[in-house]
Amino acid sequence: MFLQMSEKKLRMPSPEEALPGRDEPIRTAAHHFVSGRPLKGPYPEGTEQVLFGMGCFWGAERLFWQVEGVWVTAVGYAGGLTPNPTYRETTTGLTGHAEVVLVVYDPQAVSFSTLLKLFWEGHDPTQGMRQGNDVGTTYRSAIYATTDAQLAEARASRDAYAEALRAAGADPVTTEIGPAPDFYFAEAEHQQYLAKNPGGYCGLKGTGVTCPVAGGAAA
């Protein structure tokens, strides 16, 4: 039974296997625990959004909320089949969602390439349906873009980092990159988890290979 469940968590569920979910969004926090800004907006004019999947979303969110130019962050679920899933449902592997971080940022204050560099160097994008000891589709590496420019830059950065990893003897990149699907906010207790629980679990661990993506503020 354990092996069967493990195998299910390592592949995307079919529509027939996916959990049904619900019509209404699950309850979440109203404001960011660190900045106090509204989690669901409205977001300032001129800001852009992107979703990053880097394994467990607790540590990944902290990585981005500390960046100057990032207006707000939130954790949630994206890339699956089940509408409005709960955390417990996603951990079964039967929703198809990845744990992701919504990053709302001012491109005049921080470039997308800076965020991409943090993404690539902040985790191991070669592990497929896992991240370290966290195993399952929930923990896959992903970039879900909200603009064509983001999508093109994300793919170019993947190719550049894949070459750097290859030169270092690492495995191929398995990161999923595509247009942003529906994003479902996670429960309140998961939002800014490591600010509320400073000694909590953080599974982030990079490869040690530098990403050849130019950083810095946008022009």
C-alpha atoms as a PDB file:
ATOM      1  CA  MET A   1       0.000   0.000   0.000  1.00  0.00           C
ATOM      2  CA  PHE A   2       2.799   2.458   0.916  1.00  0.00           C
ATOM      3  CA  LEU A   3       4.589   1.753  -2.362  1.00  0.00           C
ATOM      4  CA  GLN A   4       1.380   2.307  -4.330  1.00  0.00           C
ATOM      5  CA  MET A   5       0.788   5.659  -2.613  1.00  0.00           C
ATOM      6  CA  SER A   6       4.411   6.694  -3.203  1.00  0.00           C
ATOM      7  CA  GLU A   7       4.121   5.842  -6.884  1.00  0.00           C
ATOM      8  CA  LYS A   8       0.913   7.861  -7.163  1.00  0.00           C
ATOM      9  CA  LYS A   9       2.602  10.874  -5.601  1.00  0.00           C
ATOM     10  CA  LEU A  10       5.368  10.721  -8.226  1.00  0.00           C
ATOM     11  CA  ARG A  11       3.081  11.111 -11.230  1.00  0.00           C
ATOM     12  CA  MET A  12       0.377  13.551 -12.182  1.00  0.00           C
ATOM     13  CA  PRO A  13      -3.138  12.231 -11.558  1.00  0.00           C
ATOM     14  CA  SER A  14      -5.562  11.735 -14.409  1.00  0.00           C
ATOM     15  CA  PRO A  15      -8.794  13.750 -14.396  1.00  0.00           C
ATOM     16  CA  GLU A  16     -10.574  10.588 -13.249  1.00  0.00           C
ATOM     17  CA  GLU A  17      -8.195  10.162 -10.304  1.00  0.00           C
ATOM     18  CA  ALA A  18      -8.141  13.808  -9.215  1.00  0.00           C
ATOM     19  CA  LEU A  19      -9.947  14.829  -6.052  1.00  0.00           C
ATOM     20  CA  PRO A  20     -13.141  16.841  -6.677  1.00  0.00           C
ATOM     21  CA  GLY A  21     -12.245  19.895  -4.591  1.00  0.00           C
ATOM     22  CA  ARG A  22     -14.868  22.560  -4.012  1.00  0.00           C
ATOM     23  CA  ASP A  23     -16.481  25.602  -5.606  1.00  0.00           C
ATOM     24  CA  GLU A  24     -15.573  28.095  -2.884  1.00  0.00           C
ATOM     25  CA  PRO A  25     -12.013  29.224  -2.011  1.00  0.00           C
ATOM     26  CA  ILE A  26     -10.655  27.948   1.283  1.00  0.00           C
ATOM     27  CA  ARG A  27     -10.108  30.528   4.015  1.00  0.00           C
ATOM     28  CA  THR A  28      -6.746  32.259   4.178  1.00  0.00           C
ATOM     29  CA  ALA A  29      -5.157  35.283   5.837  1.00  0.00           C
ATOM     30  CA  ALA A  30      -6.230  38.782   4.834  1.00  0.00           C
ATOM     31  CA  HIS A  31      -2.828  40.424   5.250  1.00  0.00           C
ATOM     32  CA  HIS A  32       0.849  39.533   4.979  1.00  0.00           C
ATOM     33  CA  PHE A  33       2.175  38.677   8.441  1.00  0.00           C
ATOM     34  CA  VAL A  34       5.453  40.571   7.868  1.00  0.00           C
ATOM     35  CA  SER A  35       4.496  43.626   5.806  1.00  0.00           C
ATOM     36  CA  GLY A  36       0.817  43.948   6.687  1.00  0.00           C
ATOM     37  CA  ARG A  37      -0.069  44.386   3.037  1.00  0.00           C
ATOM     38  CA  PRO A  38      -3.247  42.795   1.637  1.00  0.00           C
ATOM     39  CA  LEU A  39      -2.516  39.257   0.558  1.00  0.00           C
ATOM     40  CA  LYS A  40      -5.109  39.201  -2.222  1.00  0.00           C
ATOM     41  CA  GLY A  41      -4.669  42.798  -3.320  1.00  0.00           C
ATOM     42  CA  PRO A  42      -5.515  45.155  -4.782  1.00  0.00           C
ATOM     43  CA  TYR A  43      -1.883  45.304  -5.863  1.00  0.00           C
ATOM     44  CA  PRO A  44      -0.292  48.616  -6.916  1.00  0.00           C
ATOM     45  CA  GLU A  45      -0.473  49.638 -10.553  1.00  0.00           C
ATOM     46  CA  GLY A  46       2.648  48.640 -12.445  1.00  0.00           C
ATOM     47  CA  THR A  47       3.423  45.561 -10.350  1.00  0.00           C
ATOM     48  CA  GLU A  48       3.750  42.153 -11.968  1.00  0.00           C
ATOM     49  CA  GLN A  49       3.079  38.643 -10.676  1.00  0.00           C
ATOM     50  CA  VAL A  50       4.824  35.303 -11.067  1.00  0.00           C
ATOM     51  CA  LEU A  51       4.489  31.880  -9.429  1.00  0.00           C
ATOM     52  CA  PHE A  52       7.567  29.925  -8.319  1.00  0.00           C
ATOM     53  CA  GLY A  53       7.580  26.280  -7.220  1.00  0.00           C
ATOM     54  CA  MET A  54      10.720  25.264  -5.327  1.00  0.00           C
ATOM     55  CA  GLY A  55       9.582  22.375  -3.137  1.00  0.00           C
ATOM     56  CA  CYS A  56       8.132  23.169   0.275  1.00  0.00           C
ATOM     57  CA  PHE A  57       6.700  26.672  -0.021  1.00  0.00           C
ATOM     58  CA  TRP A  58       7.584  27.824   3.509  1.00  0.00           C
ATOM     59  CA  GLY A  59      11.267  28.498   2.857  1.00  0.00           C
ATOM     60  CA  ALA A  60      10.704  29.592  -0.705  1.00  0.00           C
ATOM     61  CA  GLU A  61       8.305  32.321   0.374  1.00  0.00           C
ATOM     62  CA  ARG A  62      10.764  33.706   2.925  1.00  0.00           C
ATOM     63  CA  LEU A  63      13.441  33.893   0.238  1.00  0.00           C
ATOM     64  CA  PHE A  64      11.309  36.267  -1.817  1.00  0.00           C
ATOM     65  CA  TRP A  65       9.598  38.423   0.810  1.00  0.00           C
ATOM     66  CA  GLN A  66      13.046  39.653   1.866  1.00  0.00           C
ATOM     67  CA  VAL A  67      13.817  41.042  -1.603  1.00  0.00           C
ATOM     68  CA  GLU A  68      13.612  44.817  -1.986  1.00  0.00           C
ATOM     69  CA  GLY A  69      11.102  45.567  -4.729  1.00  0.00           C
ATOM     70  CA  VAL A  70       8.870  42.595  -3.908  1.00  0.00           C
ATOM     71  CA  TRP A  71       5.552  44.102  -2.835  1.00  0.00           C
ATOM     72  CA  VAL A  72       3.916  41.025  -1.329  1.00  0.00           C
ATOM     73  CA  THR A  73       4.206  37.243  -1.326  1.00  0.00           C
ATOM     74  CA  ALA A  74       1.742  34.446  -0.637  1.00  0.00           C
ATOM     75  CA  VAL A  75       1.832  30.664  -0.734  1.00  0.00           C
ATOM     76  CA  GLY A  76      -0.624  28.442  -2.490  1.00  0.00           C
ATOM     77  CA  TYR A  77      -1.251  25.717  -5.032  1.00  0.00           C
ATOM     78  CA  ALA A  78      -1.094  25.769  -8.837  1.00  0.00           C
ATOM     79  CA  GLY A  79      -0.663  23.549 -11.849  1.00  0.00           C
ATOM     80  CA  GLY A  80      -3.126  20.823 -10.912  1.00  0.00           C
ATOM     81  CA  LEU A  81      -6.685  19.687 -11.492  1.00  0.00           C
ATOM     82  CA  THR A  82      -8.556  20.034  -8.200  1.00  0.00           C
ATOM     83  CA  PRO A  83     -10.322  23.381  -7.678  1.00  0.00           C
ATOM     84  CA  ASN A  84      -9.680  25.113  -4.341  1.00  0.00           C
ATOM     85  CA  PRO A  85      -7.667  22.273  -2.782  1.00  0.00           C
ATOM     86  CA  THR A  86      -6.658  22.055   0.858  1.00  0.00           C
ATOM     87  CA  TYR A  87      -3.113  21.427   2.039  1.00  0.00           C
ATOM     88  CA  ARG A  88      -4.029  17.947   3.191  1.00  0.00           C
ATOM     89  CA  GLU A  89      -5.524  17.148  -0.218  1.00  0.00           C
ATOM     90  CA  THR A  90      -2.447  18.308  -2.121  1.00  0.00           C
ATOM     91  CA  THR A  91      -0.153  16.087  -0.054  1.00  0.00           C
ATOM     92  CA  THR A  92      -1.965  12.992  -1.363  1.00  0.00           C
ATOM     93  CA  GLY A  93      -0.698  13.692  -4.875  1.00  0.00           C
ATOM     94  CA  LEU A  94      -4.272  13.458  -6.134  1.00  0.00           C
ATOM     95  CA  THR A  95      -4.785  17.136  -6.914  1.00  0.00           C
ATOM     96  CA  GLY A  96      -1.811  17.546  -9.261  1.00  0.00           C
ATOM     97  CA  HIS A  97      -0.863  20.887  -7.736  1.00  0.00           C
ATOM     98  CA  ALA A  98       2.610  22.133  -6.924  1.00  0.00           C
ATOM     99  CA  GLU A  99       3.277  24.164  -3.809  1.00  0.00           C
ATOM    100  CA  VAL A 100       4.096  27.624  -5.168  1.00  0.00           C
ATOM    101  CA  VAL A 101       4.878  31.144  -4.048  1.00  0.00           C
ATOM    102  CA  LEU A 102       3.023  34.076  -5.565  1.00  0.00           C
ATOM    103  CA  VAL A 103       5.512  36.931  -5.941  1.00  0.00           C
ATOM    104  CA  VAL A 104       4.080  40.388  -6.636  1.00  0.00           C
ATOM    105  CA  TYR A 105       6.928  42.741  -7.529  1.00  0.00           C
ATOM    106  CA  ASP A 106       7.708  46.169  -8.920  1.00  0.00           C
ATOM    107  CA  PRO A 107       9.770  45.649 -12.099  1.00  0.00           C
ATOM    108  CA  GLN A 108      11.105  49.188 -11.739  1.00  0.00           C
ATOM    109  CA  ALA A 109      12.646  48.229  -8.384  1.00  0.00           C
ATOM    110  CA  VAL A 110      13.719  44.619  -8.952  1.00  0.00           C
ATOM    111  CA  SER A 111      14.299  42.904 -12.278  1.00  0.00           C
ATOM    112  CA  PHE A 112      12.718  39.615 -13.205  1.00  0.00           C
ATOM    113  CA  SER A 113      16.219  38.278 -13.851  1.00  0.00           C
ATOM    114  CA  THR A 114      17.069  38.904 -10.189  1.00  0.00           C
ATOM    115  CA  LEU A 115      14.077  36.825  -9.126  1.00  0.00           C
ATOM    116  CA  LEU A 116      15.038  34.103 -11.594  1.00  0.00           C
ATOM    117  CA  LYS A 117      18.562  33.949 -10.211  1.00  0.00           C
ATOM    118  CA  LEU A 118      17.175  33.490  -6.685  1.00  0.00           C
ATOM    119  CA  PHE A 119      14.862  30.799  -7.987  1.00  0.00           C
ATOM    120  CA  TRP A 120      17.511  28.761  -9.792  1.00  0.00           C
ATOM    121  CA  GLU A 121      20.167  29.027  -7.086  1.00  0.00           C
ATOM    122  CA  GLY A 122      17.734  28.570  -4.186  1.00  0.00           C
ATOM    123  CA  HIS A 123      16.781  24.958  -4.907  1.00  0.00           C
ATOM    124  CA  ASP A 124      17.751  21.951  -7.006  1.00  0.00           C
ATOM    125  CA  PRO A 125      15.807  22.083 -10.292  1.00  0.00           C
ATOM    126  CA  THR A 126      17.011  18.650 -11.426  1.00  0.00           C
ATOM    127  CA  GLN A 127      15.073  16.386  -9.062  1.00  0.00           C
ATOM    128  CA  GLY A 128      11.795  15.853 -10.892  1.00  0.00           C
ATOM    129  CA  MET A 129       8.856  15.176  -8.575  1.00  0.00           C
ATOM    130  CA  ARG A 130      10.714  15.903  -5.373  1.00  0.00           C
ATOM    131  CA  GLN A 131      12.963  18.316  -3.528  1.00  0.00           C
ATOM    132  CA  GLY A 132      15.368  16.640  -1.163  1.00  0.00           C
ATOM    133  CA  ASN A 133      13.438  14.473   1.289  1.00  0.00           C
ATOM    134  CA  ASP A 134      10.124  16.013   0.191  1.00  0.00           C
ATOM    135  CA  VAL A 135       8.752  13.580  -2.370  1.00  0.00           C
ATOM    136  CA  GLY A 136       5.783  13.996  -4.703  1.00  0.00           C
ATOM    137  CA  THR A 137       4.332  16.110  -7.479  1.00  0.00           C
ATOM    138  CA  THR A 138       3.587  18.778  -4.873  1.00  0.00           C
ATOM    139  CA  TYR A 139       7.309  19.509  -4.600  1.00  0.00           C
ATOM    140  CA  ARG A 140       8.212  19.798  -8.272  1.00  0.00           C
ATOM    141  CA  SER A 141      10.165  22.757  -9.610  1.00  0.00           C
ATOM    142  CA  ALA A 142       8.040  25.206 -11.604  1.00  0.00           C
ATOM    143  CA  ILE A 143       7.838  28.716 -13.012  1.00  0.00           C
ATOM    144  CA  TYR A 144       4.391  29.920 -14.009  1.00  0.00           C
ATOM    145  CA  ALA A 145       4.606  33.229 -15.874  1.00  0.00           C
ATOM    146  CA  THR A 146       1.914  35.876 -16.252  1.00  0.00           C
ATOM    147  CA  THR A 147       3.387  37.693 -19.273  1.00  0.00           C
ATOM    148  CA  ASP A 148       4.961  36.628 -22.544  1.00  0.00           C
ATOM    149  CA  ALA A 149       8.133  38.497 -21.599  1.00  0.00           C
ATOM    150  CA  GLN A 150       8.407  36.578 -18.319  1.00  0.00           C
ATOM    151  CA  LEU A 151       7.857  33.313 -20.138  1.00  0.00           C
ATOM    152  CA  ALA A 152      10.587  33.995 -22.688  1.00  0.00           C
ATOM    153  CA  GLU A 153      13.055  35.141 -20.034  1.00  0.00           C
ATOM    154  CA  ALA A 154      12.297  32.153 -17.818  1.00  0.00           C
ATOM    155  CA  ARG A 155      12.950  29.733 -20.676  1.00  0.00           C
ATOM    156  CA  ALA A 156      16.166  31.500 -21.650  1.00  0.00           C
ATOM    157  CA  SER A 157      17.371  31.400 -18.042  1.00  0.00           C
ATOM    158  CA  ARG A 158      16.538  27.694 -17.840  1.00  0.00           C
ATOM    159  CA  ASP A 159      18.657  27.000 -20.899  1.00  0.00           C
ATOM    160  CA  ALA A 160      21.559  29.033 -19.516  1.00  0.00           C
ATOM    161  CA  TYR A 161      21.391  27.356 -16.113  1.00  0.00           C
ATOM    162  CA  ALA A 162      21.023  23.907 -17.659  1.00  0.00           C
ATOM    163  CA  GLU A 163      24.296  24.482 -19.500  1.00  0.00           C
ATOM    164  CA  ALA A 164      26.002  25.620 -16.283  1.00  0.00           C
ATOM    165  CA  LEU A 165      24.703  22.536 -14.487  1.00  0.00           C
ATOM    166  CA  ARG A 166      25.821  20.261 -17.314  1.00  0.00           C
ATOM    167  CA  ALA A 167      29.303  21.749 -17.156  1.00  0.00           C
ATOM    168  CA  ALA A 168      29.339  21.028 -13.420  1.00  0.00           C
ATOM    169  CA  GLY A 169      28.324  17.403 -14.007  1.00  0.00           C
ATOM    170  CA  ALA A 170      24.786  17.814 -12.677  1.00  0.00           C
ATOM    171  CA  ASP A 171      21.609  16.206 -13.981  1.00  0.00           C
ATOM    172  CA  PRO A 172      19.289  17.850 -16.553  1.00  0.00           C
ATOM    173  CA  VAL A 173      16.799  20.513 -15.461  1.00  0.00           C
ATOM    174  CA  THR A 174      13.270  19.212 -14.869  1.00  0.00           C
ATOM    175  CA  THR A 175      11.607  22.558 -14.089  1.00  0.00           C
ATOM    176  CA  GLU A 176       8.108  23.001 -15.519  1.00  0.00           C
ATOM    177  CA  ILE A 177       7.733  26.390 -17.233  1.00  0.00           C
ATOM    178  CA  GLY A 178       4.502  27.712 -18.681  1.00  0.00           C
ATOM    179  CA  PRO A 179       1.752  30.329 -18.501  1.00  0.00           C
ATOM    180  CA  ALA A 180       0.310  30.759 -15.019  1.00  0.00           C
ATOM    181  CA  PRO A 181      -2.700  28.523 -14.322  1.00  0.00           C
ATOM    182  CA  ASP A 182      -5.241  29.197 -11.586  1.00  0.00           C
ATOM    183  CA  PHE A 183      -3.608  30.006  -8.255  1.00  0.00           C
ATOM    184  CA  TYR A 184      -5.295  28.915  -5.027  1.00  0.00           C
ATOM    185  CA  PHE A 185      -4.214  30.601  -1.791  1.00  0.00           C
ATOM    186  CA  ALA A 186      -3.137  28.186   0.930  1.00  0.00           C
ATOM    187  CA  GLU A 187      -4.575  28.209   4.428  1.00  0.00           C
ATOM    188  CA  ALA A 188      -3.719  31.048   6.808  1.00  0.00           C
ATOM    189  CA  GLU A 189      -1.318  28.947   8.887  1.00  0.00           C
ATOM    190  CA  HIS A 190       0.931  28.403   5.868  1.00  0.00           C
ATOM    191  CA  GLN A 191       1.175  32.075   4.928  1.00  0.00           C
ATOM    192  CA  GLN A 192       4.577  33.493   5.999  1.00  0.00           C
ATOM    193  CA  TYR A 193       5.045  30.347   8.067  1.00  0.00           C
ATOM    194  CA  LEU A 194       8.706  30.922   8.894  1.00  0.00           C
ATOM    195  CA  ALA A 195       8.028  34.435  10.176  1.00  0.00           C
ATOM    196  CA  LYS A 196       5.521  32.957  12.628  1.00  0.00           C
ATOM    197  CA  ASN A 197       7.736  29.920  13.347  1.00  0.00           C
ATOM    198  CA  PRO A 198      11.387  31.055  12.973  1.00  0.00           C
ATOM    199  CA  GLY A 199      12.702  27.602  13.856  1.00  0.00           C
ATOM    200  CA  GLY A 200      10.372  25.826  11.455  1.00  0.00           C
ATOM    201  CA  TYR A 201      11.303  23.494   8.641  1.00  0.00           C
ATOM    202  CA  CYS A 202      13.010  24.968   5.589  1.00  0.00           C
ATOM    203  CA  GLY A 203      13.881  22.492   2.867  1.00  0.00           C
ATOM    204  CA  LEU A 204      15.668  24.904   0.532  1.00  0.00           C
ATOM    205  CA  LYS A 205      18.998  23.619  -0.722  1.00  0.00           C
ATOM    206  CA  GLY A 206      20.621  24.718  -3.947  1.00  0.00           C
ATOM    207  CA  THR A 207      23.077  22.925  -6.184  1.00  0.00           C
ATOM    208  CA  GLY A 208      25.962  25.284  -5.481  1.00  0.00           C
ATOM    209  CA  VAL A 209      26.145  26.128  -9.189  1.00  0.00           C
ATOM    210  CA  THR A 210      25.920  29.842  -9.993  1.00  0.00           C
ATOM    211  CA  CYS A 211      23.165  30.864 -12.384  1.00  0.00           C
ATOM    212  CA  PRO A 212      24.502  32.962 -15.291  1.00  0.00           C
ATOM    213  CA  VAL A 213      21.536  35.338 -15.260  1.00  0.00           C
ATOM    214  CA  ALA A 214      22.184  39.045 -14.943  1.00  0.00           C
ATOM    215  CA  GLY A 215      20.739  40.477 -11.745  1.00  0.00           C
ATOM    216  CA  GLY A 216      20.133  44.017 -10.583  1.00  0.00           C
ATOM    217  CA  ALA A 217      17.367  46.583 -10.719  1.00  0.00           C
ATOM    218  CA  ALA A 218      15.340  47.056 -13.839  1.00  0.00           C
ATOM    219  CA  ALA A 219      16.141  49.980 -16.068  1.00  0.00           C
END
